[in-house]
Amino acid sequence: MKDTETPTGLSPSADHPAQKRRKMSAGRGLALFIAGVAAAAFAVYLFVVVYGLIAGT
């Protein structure tokens, strides 16, 4: 991708290429953070379900 192109998913703007790269990096970081929180929540959910089944409640 050339520095002057707008990446997919980013609204066209007059931002400098360095600022576009920073926005892309921040977006990826936010997406990974949200995915990590979701994975942790699912792991806790599975733990509670398995514990409940083992405990017999």
Protein backbone atom coordinates (compact mmCIF):
# COMPACT_ATOMS: atom_id res chain seq x y z
CA MET A 1 0.00 0.00 0.00
CA LYS A 2 1.27 3.45 -0.89
CA ASP A 3 1.49 6.13 1.79
CA THR A 4 -1.05 8.28 -0.06
CA GLU A 5 -3.75 5.57 -0.14
CA THR A 6 -6.48 5.41 2.46
CA PRO A 7 -6.55 1.96 4.11
CA THR A 8 -9.73 -0.13 4.01
CA GLY A 9 -12.02 0.71 6.91
CA LEU A 10 -10.59 4.18 7.46
CA SER A 11 -12.63 7.15 6.30
CA PRO A 12 -10.96 9.30 3.66
CA SER A 13 -9.33 12.30 5.26
CA ALA A 14 -6.55 14.80 4.81
CA ASP A 15 -4.41 13.10 7.47
CA HIS A 16 -0.71 12.67 6.92
CA PRO A 17 0.47 9.12 6.17
CA ALA A 18 2.10 8.87 9.61
CA GLN A 19 -1.19 9.79 11.27
CA LYS A 20 -3.06 7.20 9.16
CA ARG A 21 -0.58 4.53 10.30
CA ARG A 22 -1.08 5.59 13.93
CA LYS A 23 -4.87 5.37 13.56
CA MET A 24 -4.59 1.92 11.99
CA SER A 25 -2.33 0.74 14.79
CA ALA A 26 -4.68 2.12 17.45
CA GLY A 27 -7.65 0.44 15.77
CA ARG A 28 -5.90 -2.92 15.68
CA GLY A 29 -4.86 -2.54 19.30
CA LEU A 30 -8.40 -1.73 20.37
CA ALA A 31 -9.78 -4.71 18.46
CA LEU A 32 -7.23 -7.04 20.06
CA PHE A 33 -8.01 -5.64 23.51
CA ILE A 34 -11.75 -6.21 23.03
CA ALA A 35 -11.08 -9.74 21.76
CA GLY A 36 -8.89 -10.43 24.81
CA VAL A 37 -11.56 -9.23 27.22
CA ALA A 38 -14.16 -11.37 25.43
CA ALA A 39 -11.89 -14.44 25.59
CA ALA A 40 -11.26 -13.89 29.31
CA ALA A 41 -14.99 -13.50 29.98
CA PHE A 42 -15.70 -16.70 28.07
CA ALA A 43 -13.00 -18.54 30.05
CA VAL A 44 -14.57 -17.40 33.33
CA TYR A 45 -17.99 -18.50 32.06
CA LEU A 46 -16.65 -21.95 31.16
CA PHE A 47 -14.97 -22.24 34.55
CA VAL A 48 -18.23 -21.44 36.33
CA VAL A 49 -20.19 -23.92 34.21
CA VAL A 50 -17.67 -26.74 34.71
CA TYR A 51 -17.40 -26.00 38.45
CA GLY A 52 -21.19 -26.03 38.73
CA LEU A 53 -21.44 -29.37 36.98
CA ILE A 54 -18.69 -30.91 39.12
CA ALA A 55 -20.13 -29.52 42.36
CA GLY A 56 -23.54 -30.94 41.47
CA THR A 57 -25.66 -27.87 42.06
